[in-house]
Amino acid sequence: MTLLKVEALTCEYRNNPLGIDIKRPRISWKIQSDRRGTMQKAYQLQVTAHDQNFTTIKWDSGIIESDESIHVDYGGPELEPRTRYFYRVKVWDNFERETAWSEIAWWETGLLDTSEWRAEWITPDPAEIDPQSEPAFLLRKEFNLKTGISSARIYGTGVGLYELYLNGERVGDELLAPGWTSYHKRLQYQTYDVTEQMLAGSNAIGIMLADGWYKGNLVRENNRNIYGDRRAAFFQIHVTFNDGTEEVIVTDNTWKASTGPILFSEIYHGETYDARLEKEGWSQSDFNDQDWTGTIIQEMPVTQLVAQENVPTRVTEVLKPIDAFVTPAGDTVIDMGQNMVGRLRFKVNAPRGTQIVLKHAEVLDKDGNIYFGNLKFAQQTVEYITKGEGLETYAPHFTFQGFRYVKVEGYPGQENGLPLGNFDGEVIHSDMERTGEFECSDPLVNRLQQNIVWGQRGNFLDVPTDCPQRSERLGWTADAQVFIPTALFNYQGGPFFTKWLRDLKADQLPDGNVPFVIPNVEGGMGSAAWGDAATIIPWTVYQTYGDKRVLAEQFESMKAWVEYIRRQGKNEYLWNTGFHFGDWLALDAKENSFVGATERDFIATVFYAHSTRILRDAAEVLGKKDEVQEYSFLLDKIIEQFNHEFVSPSGRLVSPTQTAHVIALMFDMVEGKAKERTAYELNQLLIQNDYHLNTGFVGTPYISLALSKGGYHETAVKLLMKDDFPSWLYQVKKGATTVWEHWDSIKPDGSFWSDQMNSFNHYAYGSIGNWMYKAVAGIDMDPAIPAYKKIKIEPKFAGISFTQAKAAYESMYGRILSSWHLTNETVEIEVEIPGNTTAEILLPKAHLADVMEGNKPLVSGDIHSYMETVEGVRLTVGSGSYHFKYRNESGLKPIFTEDTRIIDFLDYKEAVAVIEKFAPGITKPPAIFSTKARSLKELAELQEANLTVDKVKAIIDELKMLELEVELVK
């Protein structure tokens, strides 16, 4: 029996989305097949309203001859508000097979027009409750319903943050709703299905309101009320009955208000909760609210209300503490074992009025004491006062902390040891689907990959923040744009970035200028590599997901940014004016400066070209011929002027920094001999720096890609494998469980970078993950065909310090796998290609006659095409799983694995002595090394010696025999 089926149906990236306001939603699906090379030849899509049996079809696409299976537009009659639509798909393939209908999926519309809102914005009567008071507000309303409830939905939002309760139970599991948007222009509302919670007879609804981002303390001390000075709620309930009638309950001035146990709750500072002030049953219908105050209508526009765009923020994992201890300073501290973002939930049985205080931090200092210095003015403190009525459980409601360690004060009996079973770390972030995984044979690199993922989890909390702990936590544009390629490997980020890009567009100035942070609460505009988020991010989303709609939505914003740049320079083809962050936090900065040595107008002009190229390519995708012509000309002129201004006639860059060479290569600013020279000199800069980088936020994301792209992949690998300062693995060896803001956030002597700007969870340098997926594991796409419709699998082995690597990515079409394993005798590569796609695969250093696929000679398999090249064997394949095996050529043998890193700590003279002893004839000192020799292979190469891999292996074996390994291996 053959297998061909349609699965994983999504609407607007989501599985069964509730309450969307997109009038032409897009459907995507994946194809599972038991035959290799399966391609979709046609599809049929059917949609019904309310009807799961498909007896009455609202829209039938008919049989469409097309291989399109992602972002297929709904093409039926206009959608109705507050309606559930069911859909199903069947496909036909290139083997003349037809699937059964897929499983049924659905989407449900929310309120599609402002006129459908009947609710009023309400807030407690200011004559009774001070609008500026710190305690969270409680709002409640009782109502009665007749029997025969068919369905019930709540639509609504609040400013700042809200939690919703119905008949004594929490509604939904979303946290920090409605999220953070450019509130003056856009405010998300949420939809809840409360059919099962609604009762015939008496009901009660309750709303808790706290300051949140809307009016809480942000950016600077005492900087409050950025968007408004009053909290307010805006909700309406629609209850439908079996007889077809409907009742609507809305927020209005009949609601009651009070305050409760949350005395204080702030994003930066934490929460104070006095359980003695709980109003038991306050969201139930039998609660006595006679002493509650009234509410008033508050005038606020509702035209900016949009249905939830991003995935909700939720608790996504629960961590158990690994230890509790007393520090040298006498503090009792819990260790979660992982720098996380979220909250600590605890249980306690204590006398009434017991005060328990939790203070959160990321690291311990070199003396072993908990360190709060880098938090700036953020308090990250949670205080709980018990009511003393048995076992109590608590976690804060309207805040989050960035922490690994928690100082505990006042917990009963803590002097005899904390009961760790009473504490749970609840990890909180936007609940994105995990789509990527990477692992290899080196445990330090695997820990680095975990750190990158944890950094993303901690900082993708409704907006892409820079850090989650100190008094900042802002949507910095540069951090987001440099990390987005890695981010979209790790997690499905379509809804996340769609929402954030709409805020970027909303906050962009009329002249095209882009603020430093989005949503814009910081001010400041116009920096190269920061404002370029306006072009880079929508283009990356389009490339990754094939999402033309986001490209079309953002096109005018992209164009406005490029035109803003064009107006800035003294010459319209160079960007040589204005403020720029430059290569932020680069190690080649002058003393007491955060800005690296690469000239800022060099960087600005490169990013001017990069954004112009993206704009041109976007115009081509969208069929805007005039813009294609205009921005092609502009791009050519920028590159011409760049070469005139920054490249010597002999091809040398005027800026002799790593970052200058990296971005010139990465963004194709030089060609021909100049490009070759730039790649060579970048490699030399790394060698001269003992394979250490000195790049910052601009150079680091691209340095490994530029090296591999320029033909120096081995250098890129050596760069990755460094484990002393500065390097990625230095952080890992220092105990990092997320990525740091500075290469030396913790210095070799255990001291810290300045308290003023030192985050231990800052994902920008985690952008190395993109290279690990693309170059080491080898998963990439044909850039001309987005969304991995045409996949490229090209693992790179040169200079590999580990024996295997594996990456998998859940694309819009399905799972892509590239996994390789080296032994001294063989190379094995496993590949999975999803249905309805093709792939080009490179088997490095392979010979056609040697390659076996599935234990059969390659020439006997069902491969579309194959040929032997100087790089190896290139194949074109269709969907399916493939297992290639071939003889290992000497250049692929793993030489220095974890157990044979034998000259990491030799000084210069010792290194020369070892070479002379075990490689006779090499007598000239390797002058390029001043203090350390990194490996026998490097020394041999630098001496231009004809030292084969087998000879090196023999030298290593002889060293082992002489028992030098004990002395030389760290």
Foldseek 3Di string as FASTA:
>chain_A
DWDKAKDDKDWLPHFAAEAAQDFWIFIAIFIDTPDFFKFFQWKKKWKDWPDPPPPDTQDIPPIGGDRDGTRHIDDGDTDDAFIKMKMWMWTAIPVRDIYDIHPITIYTHHDNAPVVAPAFKKAFDCVVPPQQAFFKKKKKDKDAAAPFWDWKKKKWFKAPFKWKDKQQHTFDFFARPPFDFLVQQAHAIEMGTCSVRDDHTMMMMMMIGGHEPQFADADDPPDGNLNHRGMIIWMKMWIAGPVGDIDMDIHAFVMFMDGFQFRHDYAQAGTEGEPLRHQPSPRRRPGDCVVTGTMHGDDDDDRNYGHRQFFGKGQDDKAFFPDWDAAPVGWIKTFSLFFAKFKKKFKAADAFFQKKKKFFAADAFPRRHGDDLQQVPRGNMYIYTDRRDGMDMDIDGNYMAGHRMITMPRGPPCVVPDPRVGMMGGHIARPFAFFKDKDFFDVLVNLLLLQLLRLQSRQRHLARFQFRHHRHSFRFQLLCLLQVLLVVQGTPCSSSVLSQLVSQLVCQDPQLWTARTPVDPDGDTDAQSRSLSLQRVLLSSCQAAVDLPSLVVSLVSLVSNLSSQLVQDPHSLFRDDDDYCAQAQFQCDDPPHRHHDFDRRLRRLLSSLVSLVSSLVSCVVVVVVVSVVVSVVSSVSNLVVSCVVAADPQLDGPRLALQSLQSCQVSVSDDDPNVLVSLVSNLVVCLLVVLEHRTGLRRLLRNQVSNVVSPNNLSSQVQQPDCPPQHSNVCVVVPQSHDWNHSPCQPPVRHGDRSHHTHSSGNSNVSCSSCCVCEQQNWDADSVDGQPLEIEREYDQFNDQGFKMKMWGQTSHGIWIWIWGDDQWKIKIKIFDTHNHKYKYFDFPEDQQFKDKPNHRPVPDPWPDWDQDPGGIITIIGGDMIMIMGTDDQSRHNQHYQLQQFFCQDFQVVVQVLCCVLPPPQNDRLVSDHTGDRAPVVRCVSSVHPQGSVSSNVSSVVCVVVVCRVVGRD
